[in-house]
C-alpha cells in the first residue's frame, strides 16, 4: 500500500514515515524541507521511501498516481509561527491542504487523513469532545478549523475522509522540536537546571509522537464505514495536564525536587486552556496510547545527554521561520528550487 505524507519530513511526519515503513507500507514524502534534509537522511536510503521536495500549493498532481492513502500534515506548524505571516499560514495550512484533498479525490486516492489540532478548541471550560463548539484563537488554529469545514464534506463511498485532532505532541523525533511544552520543559531543566512555568493553571492534553503514528495506522486499518466523515481527538484522558502539574511530573521523572526546580513566571501566559475527551477514538477504534510523559521526557533528555541533538534554530519552529523569512523573503510566495541548510 502506497501512502503520501505531506509535511512528512517534519516532527510528526518523520516518526510516522519510519512507523509505516516498518509495517510494509511504501511511503512518499512531500515536503518543502524548511528544516533541511538532515532529519530524513537515514530514511532516504530505505527501500520503499521516496522524498519529493515540493510545496502543497503547486506540486505536480502526478505525484498522486498510484497513491492509496494521503496523510495531510503540511503546515506552518504551531501557533506563534502562524502569526509571523498570517496570510501565508492560511495559504499553506488552509488553501494548500484543500488543494491536496481535492486533487487526491480527483486522482482516485482511496483514503485521506487530515491533520487538524486540538488548538481548534481554544479556551474552553470543562471537558470538550469532537462535537464541542470550536473556538480557534490563532491563525494556525483558524486555518485548521477552516480546512476541516471544507474538506470533511468531500467524503464519499469512494473517498474516505477522516480528520484527526492530536493533543499537544511530545517525545523524541529526528526532527526534534524543543518548542512543545514537555520537550521545552525537559530542555530547560537539562540546560538551566530549572523548569520555567508561565502561569501554570492552563490545561493541555498531551500525546506521544509515536502514539500519533499508531493512531494513524489504526485509522488506516479500520473499516471505512467506521472512520469515513469522522473526527477523532488523538490522545488519552489521563494525559490532560495542568501546566504546573506537568512541570512537577517532569521534575519527578528526572529525580528532582519540584519545589526546587520549578520557576514560576506569571508573565507571557498562553491563554489557551482546554481539557479534551478521547473517549471516541478509544471506544470506536479501540485505540489506547502506549507511551507516557515519563517515556517522552527520558527520550528527550537522553538525546540531549548523548549529543544526538545539537540545539539550533531548527529546533524552535518560530525562530526557524523567522530566520528563513529574513534570508529568503520570497520563499513562501513562490517556488524557489533550494534545499535550506
Protein backbone atom coordinates (compact mmCIF):
# COMPACT_ATOMS: atom_id res chain seq x y z
CA UNK A 1 0.00 0.00 0.00
CA UNK A 2 1.35 3.42 -1.01
CA UNK A 3 1.00 6.36 1.37
CA UNK A 4 1.72 10.02 0.63
CA UNK A 5 2.73 12.05 3.69
CA UNK A 6 2.58 15.80 3.09
CA UNK A 7 4.83 17.52 5.59
CA UNK A 8 6.36 14.10 6.08
CA UNK A 9 9.86 15.38 6.91
CA UNK A 10 8.57 17.22 9.97
CA UNK A 11 8.45 16.36 13.66
CA UNK A 12 5.46 14.01 13.42
CA UNK A 13 5.95 13.03 9.79
CA UNK A 14 9.47 11.75 10.32
CA UNK A 15 8.32 9.35 13.03
CA UNK A 16 5.25 8.35 11.04
CA UNK A 17 7.30 7.59 7.93
CA UNK A 18 9.52 5.22 9.90
CA UNK A 19 6.49 3.64 11.60
CA UNK A 20 4.74 2.93 8.28
CA UNK A 21 7.89 1.72 6.53
CA UNK A 22 8.47 -0.77 9.33
CA UNK A 23 4.96 -2.12 8.70
CA UNK A 24 5.44 -2.69 5.00
CA UNK A 25 3.95 0.47 3.52
CA UNK A 26 5.52 2.34 0.63
CA UNK A 27 5.99 5.94 1.77
CA UNK A 28 6.19 9.04 -0.41
CA UNK A 29 7.08 12.21 1.49
CA UNK A 30 6.17 15.60 0.02
CA UNK A 31 7.90 18.35 1.98
CA UNK A 32 9.25 21.86 1.42
CA UNK A 33 12.23 20.96 3.65
CA UNK A 34 12.23 24.24 5.56
CA UNK A 35 14.20 22.41 8.25
CA UNK A 36 16.69 20.88 5.85
CA UNK A 37 17.22 17.34 4.64
CA UNK A 38 19.31 16.11 7.59
CA UNK A 39 16.37 14.81 9.70
CA UNK A 40 15.36 12.40 6.91
CA UNK A 41 18.82 11.45 5.68
CA UNK A 42 18.63 7.98 7.26
CA UNK A 43 15.22 7.38 5.66
CA UNK A 44 16.24 8.33 2.12
CA UNK A 45 18.21 5.12 1.63
CA UNK A 46 15.38 2.93 2.93
CA UNK A 47 13.60 0.63 0.49
CA UNK A 48 10.09 1.92 -0.18
CA UNK A 49 10.84 5.54 0.78
CA UNK A 50 10.64 8.42 -1.72
CA UNK A 51 11.30 12.08 -0.91
CA UNK A 52 9.74 14.79 -3.08
CA UNK A 53 10.98 18.34 -2.44
CA UNK A 54 7.90 20.44 -3.21
CA UNK A 55 5.06 22.53 -1.80
CA UNK A 56 1.39 21.60 -1.33
CA UNK A 57 0.35 24.77 -3.17
CA UNK A 58 1.97 23.92 -6.51
CA UNK A 59 3.24 20.33 -6.60
CA UNK A 60 2.67 18.31 -9.77
CA UNK A 61 -0.52 16.26 -9.21
CA UNK A 62 1.05 13.26 -10.96
CA UNK A 63 2.70 12.55 -7.59
CA UNK A 64 -0.70 11.17 -6.57
CA UNK A 65 -0.70 8.48 -9.26
CA UNK A 66 -0.76 5.08 -7.58
CA UNK A 67 -1.24 6.54 -4.08
CA UNK A 68 -3.76 4.68 -1.90
CA UNK A 69 -3.72 6.95 1.17
CA UNK A 70 -2.88 10.59 1.79
CA UNK A 71 -1.94 11.74 5.29
CA UNK A 72 -2.02 15.53 5.02
CA UNK A 73 0.21 17.17 7.63
CA UNK A 74 1.82 20.02 5.67
CA UNK A 75 1.63 23.23 7.69
CA UNK A 76 3.35 26.24 9.10
CA UNK A 77 3.31 24.43 12.40
CA UNK A 78 2.36 25.89 15.78
CA UNK A 79 0.51 28.97 16.94
CA UNK A 80 3.37 31.52 17.29
CA UNK A 81 4.88 30.62 13.90
CA UNK A 82 1.50 31.02 12.27
CA UNK A 83 1.36 34.65 13.38
CA UNK A 84 4.64 35.61 11.64
CA UNK A 85 2.76 35.92 8.36
CA UNK A 86 -0.93 35.05 8.78
CA UNK A 87 -1.72 35.24 5.06
CA UNK A 88 0.93 32.69 4.16
CA UNK A 89 -0.17 30.49 7.04
CA UNK A 90 -3.67 30.49 5.58
CA UNK A 91 -2.27 29.89 2.10
CA UNK A 92 -0.39 26.75 3.14
CA UNK A 93 -2.33 25.40 6.11
CA UNK A 94 -5.80 26.01 4.69
CA UNK A 95 -5.84 26.60 0.92
CA UNK A 96 -2.84 24.37 0.21
CA UNK A 97 -4.34 21.42 2.01
CA UNK A 98 -7.78 21.92 0.47
CA UNK A 99 -5.93 21.64 -2.84
CA UNK A 100 -4.32 18.37 -1.71
CA UNK A 101 -7.71 16.93 -0.72
CA UNK A 102 -9.41 17.88 -3.97
CA UNK A 103 -6.54 16.54 -6.07
CA UNK A 104 -6.49 13.32 -4.05
CA UNK A 105 -10.18 12.79 -4.75
CA UNK A 106 -9.69 13.58 -8.46
CA UNK A 107 -6.85 11.04 -8.67
CA UNK A 108 -8.99 8.36 -7.02
CA UNK A 109 -6.97 8.13 -3.83
CA UNK A 110 -8.98 5.83 -1.57
CA UNK A 111 -8.32 7.42 1.84
CA UNK A 112 -7.45 10.90 3.02
CA UNK A 113 -6.49 11.77 6.62
CA UNK A 114 -6.43 15.46 7.51
CA UNK A 115 -4.27 16.61 10.41
CA UNK A 116 -6.05 19.29 12.41
CA UNK A 117 -5.19 20.14 16.02
CA UNK A 118 -6.74 20.30 19.47
CA UNK A 119 -5.86 24.01 19.34
CA UNK A 120 -9.15 24.49 17.47
CA UNK A 121 -10.83 24.28 20.90
CA UNK A 122 -9.02 27.42 22.10
CA UNK A 123 -10.14 28.44 25.59
CA UNK A 124 -12.91 26.24 26.98
CA UNK A 125 -14.39 25.47 30.37
CA UNK A 126 -14.86 21.82 31.24
CA UNK A 127 -14.18 18.83 29.01
CA UNK A 128 -14.52 19.13 25.23
CA UNK A 129 -15.04 16.43 22.63
CA UNK A 130 -15.39 16.19 18.85
CA UNK A 131 -18.93 17.65 19.00
CA UNK A 132 -17.93 20.73 21.01
CA UNK A 133 -18.08 24.28 19.69
CA UNK A 134 -14.74 25.35 18.22
CA UNK A 135 -13.01 28.46 19.50
CA UNK A 136 -9.81 28.87 17.45
CA UNK A 137 -7.79 31.77 18.84
CA UNK A 138 -4.81 31.87 16.47
CA UNK A 139 -4.22 31.87 12.72
CA UNK A 140 -2.83 28.34 12.98
CA UNK A 141 -5.97 27.08 14.72
CA UNK A 142 -8.32 29.06 12.46
CA UNK A 143 -6.67 27.64 9.33
CA UNK A 144 -7.11 24.11 10.71
CA UNK A 145 -10.77 24.74 11.50
CA UNK A 146 -11.44 26.18 8.04
CA UNK A 147 -9.76 23.18 6.45
CA UNK A 148 -11.93 20.81 8.46
CA UNK A 149 -15.09 22.62 7.36
CA UNK A 150 -14.21 22.48 3.67
CA UNK A 151 -12.62 19.04 3.46
CA UNK A 152 -14.95 16.87 5.55
CA UNK A 153 -17.88 17.27 3.09
CA UNK A 154 -15.70 15.76 0.34
CA UNK A 155 -16.12 12.33 1.92
CA UNK A 156 -17.98 9.67 -0.06
CA UNK A 157 -18.03 5.91 -0.50
CA UNK A 158 -15.11 6.30 -2.89
CA UNK A 159 -13.15 8.91 -0.92
CA UNK A 160 -12.77 8.08 2.76
CA UNK A 161 -12.08 11.28 4.71
CA UNK A 162 -11.01 11.26 8.35
CA UNK A 163 -9.94 14.23 10.48
CA UNK A 164 -7.59 13.86 13.44
CA UNK A 165 -7.07 16.44 16.17
CA UNK A 166 -3.91 15.42 18.02
CA UNK A 167 -3.24 16.69 21.50
CA UNK A 168 -0.01 18.63 22.09
CA UNK A 169 2.70 16.23 20.97
CA UNK A 170 5.89 15.31 22.84
CA UNK A 171 8.78 12.86 22.66
CA UNK A 172 11.84 12.30 20.51
CA UNK A 173 11.93 12.66 16.73
CA UNK A 174 14.95 13.05 14.44
CA UNK A 175 13.39 16.43 13.57
CA UNK A 176 13.16 17.31 17.25
CA UNK A 177 11.04 20.25 18.32
CA UNK A 178 12.01 21.98 21.55
CA UNK A 179 9.06 24.39 21.44
CA UNK A 180 6.47 21.82 22.59
CA UNK A 181 5.67 22.02 26.27
CA UNK A 182 7.03 18.66 27.50
CA UNK A 183 10.14 18.90 25.33
CA UNK A 184 10.66 22.55 26.27
CA UNK A 185 10.49 21.86 30.00
CA UNK A 186 12.88 18.93 29.64
CA UNK A 187 15.32 21.06 27.65
CA UNK A 188 15.33 23.97 30.12
CA UNK A 189 15.82 21.56 33.01
CA UNK A 190 18.74 19.99 31.13
CA UNK A 191 20.40 23.30 30.22
CA UNK A 192 19.47 25.54 33.15
CA UNK A 193 18.52 23.19 35.97
CA UNK A 194 15.07 24.80 36.11
CA UNK A 195 11.63 24.27 34.62
CA UNK A 196 10.05 27.60 33.73
CA UNK A 197 6.28 27.74 34.13
CA UNK A 198 4.31 30.62 32.63
CA UNK A 199 1.02 30.89 34.50
CA UNK A 200 0.55 27.22 35.31
CA UNK A 201 -3.22 26.93 35.64
CA UNK A 202 -3.83 26.27 31.93
CA UNK A 203 -4.75 22.76 30.87
CA UNK A 204 -3.17 20.94 27.93
CA UNK A 205 -3.92 17.50 26.52
CA UNK A 206 -0.75 15.62 25.61
CA UNK A 207 0.21 12.69 23.37
CA UNK A 208 3.48 10.99 22.47
CA UNK A 209 4.61 11.38 18.85
CA UNK A 210 4.78 7.61 18.35
CA UNK A 211 1.21 7.28 19.57
CA UNK A 212 0.13 9.74 16.88
CA UNK A 213 1.70 7.42 14.29
CA UNK A 214 -0.05 4.46 15.91
CA UNK A 215 -3.39 6.29 15.75
CA UNK A 216 -2.99 6.92 12.02
CA UNK A 217 -2.16 3.25 11.48
CA UNK A 218 -5.29 2.32 13.45
CA UNK A 219 -7.43 4.54 11.20
CA UNK A 220 -5.89 3.03 8.06
CA UNK A 221 -6.59 -0.48 9.35
CA UNK A 222 -10.20 0.24 10.36
CA UNK A 223 -13.19 -0.49 8.14
CA UNK A 224 -14.03 2.61 6.05
CA UNK A 225 -17.58 2.91 7.38
CA UNK A 226 -16.25 3.44 10.92
CA UNK A 227 -13.93 6.33 10.03
CA UNK A 228 -15.46 7.95 6.94
CA UNK A 229 -16.57 11.52 7.61
CA UNK A 230 -15.43 11.22 11.23
CA UNK A 231 -13.32 13.41 13.51
CA UNK A 232 -11.10 11.87 16.19
CA UNK A 233 -9.24 13.57 19.02
CA UNK A 234 -5.92 11.73 19.43
CA UNK A 235 -4.57 11.29 22.95
CA UNK A 236 -5.79 9.97 26.29
CA UNK A 237 -7.93 11.39 29.09
CA UNK A 238 -5.19 10.54 31.58
CA UNK A 239 -2.79 12.94 29.87
CA UNK A 240 -4.85 16.10 30.32
CA UNK A 241 -2.43 18.09 32.49
CA UNK A 242 -2.42 21.42 34.23
CA UNK A 243 0.86 23.02 33.18
CA UNK A 244 2.12 23.33 36.76
CA UNK A 245 1.29 19.69 37.46
CA UNK A 246 3.10 18.72 34.27
CA UNK A 247 6.21 20.58 35.42
CA UNK A 248 6.07 18.73 38.74
CA UNK A 249 5.77 15.40 36.93
CA UNK A 250 8.79 16.15 34.74
CA UNK A 251 10.90 17.10 37.74
CA UNK A 252 9.95 13.87 39.50
CA UNK A 253 10.73 11.74 36.42
CA UNK A 254 14.24 13.18 36.42
CA UNK A 255 14.72 12.78 40.17
CA UNK A 256 14.45 16.47 41.03
CA UNK A 257 12.54 18.16 43.84
CA UNK A 258 9.67 20.08 42.18
CA UNK A 259 9.79 22.77 44.86
CA UNK A 260 13.39 23.49 43.94
CA UNK A 261 13.41 23.06 40.17
CA UNK A 262 10.25 24.96 39.14
CA UNK A 263 10.47 28.67 38.41
CA UNK A 264 7.03 30.33 38.22
CA UNK A 265 6.65 33.24 35.82
CA UNK A 266 3.27 35.00 35.72
CA UNK A 267 4.05 37.00 32.57
CA UNK A 268 3.62 35.87 28.94
CA UNK A 269 0.81 33.49 29.83
CA UNK A 270 -0.59 31.42 26.94
CA UNK A 271 -4.37 31.91 27.20
CA UNK A 272 -5.23 28.60 25.51
CA UNK A 273 -6.66 26.15 28.03
CA UNK A 274 -8.73 23.06 27.33
CA UNK A 275 -9.29 19.54 28.57
CA UNK A 276 -10.15 17.03 25.89
CA UNK A 277 -12.10 13.79 25.88
CA UNK A 278 -10.54 10.97 23.90
CA UNK A 279 -13.39 8.52 24.51
CA UNK A 280 -14.39 8.37 20.84
CA UNK A 281 -11.11 7.03 19.46
CA UNK A 282 -10.89 4.61 22.39
CA UNK A 283 -14.42 3.20 22.02
CA UNK A 284 -14.77 3.34 18.25
CA UNK A 285 -11.27 2.23 17.20
CA UNK A 286 -10.02 0.58 20.38
CA UNK A 287 -7.05 2.95 20.36
CA UNK A 288 -5.20 3.42 23.65
CA UNK A 289 -1.88 5.32 23.81
CA UNK A 290 1.13 3.24 24.92
CA UNK A 291 3.59 5.96 25.86
CA UNK A 292 3.74 8.20 28.92
CA UNK A 293 5.12 11.60 29.86
CA UNK A 294 7.99 9.77 31.57
CA UNK A 295 8.84 7.98 28.30
CA UNK A 296 8.97 11.24 26.37
CA UNK A 297 10.97 13.11 29.00
CA UNK A 298 13.61 10.39 29.22
CA UNK A 299 13.90 10.16 25.42
CA UNK A 300 14.48 13.88 25.01
CA UNK A 301 16.84 14.05 28.00
CA UNK A 302 18.89 11.10 26.72
CA UNK A 303 19.08 12.57 23.21
CA UNK A 304 20.46 15.79 24.68
CA UNK A 305 22.78 14.00 27.09
CA UNK A 306 24.20 11.73 24.36
CA UNK A 307 24.75 14.60 21.94
CA UNK A 308 22.25 13.29 19.37
CA UNK A 309 20.64 16.73 19.41
CA UNK A 310 22.70 19.82 18.69
CA UNK A 311 20.22 22.58 19.56
CA UNK A 312 19.86 25.25 16.87
CA UNK A 313 17.14 27.49 15.46
CA UNK A 314 15.81 24.40 13.64
CA UNK A 315 14.55 23.06 16.97
CA UNK A 316 12.29 26.07 17.54
CA UNK A 317 9.70 26.49 14.80
CA UNK A 318 9.09 30.22 15.10
CA UNK A 319 12.82 31.01 15.23
CA UNK A 320 13.47 28.91 12.14
CA UNK A 321 10.69 30.52 10.10
CA UNK A 322 11.82 33.98 11.17
CA UNK A 323 15.36 33.10 10.08
CA UNK A 324 14.12 31.79 6.71
CA UNK A 325 11.96 34.86 6.04
CA UNK A 326 14.88 37.17 6.78
CA UNK A 327 17.22 35.29 4.40
CA UNK A 328 14.70 34.44 1.68
CA UNK A 329 11.82 36.98 1.78
CA UNK A 330 10.07 35.42 -1.24
CA UNK A 331 10.32 31.79 -0.20
CA UNK A 332 6.71 31.46 0.91
CA UNK A 333 5.31 33.34 -2.07
CA UNK A 334 6.78 31.40 -4.98
CA UNK A 335 8.75 28.25 -5.79
CA UNK A 336 12.44 28.51 -5.02
CA UNK A 337 14.41 25.44 -6.01
CA UNK A 338 16.69 25.33 -2.99
CA UNK A 339 17.09 22.97 -0.08
CA UNK A 340 17.67 25.06 3.00
CA UNK A 341 20.82 24.37 5.04
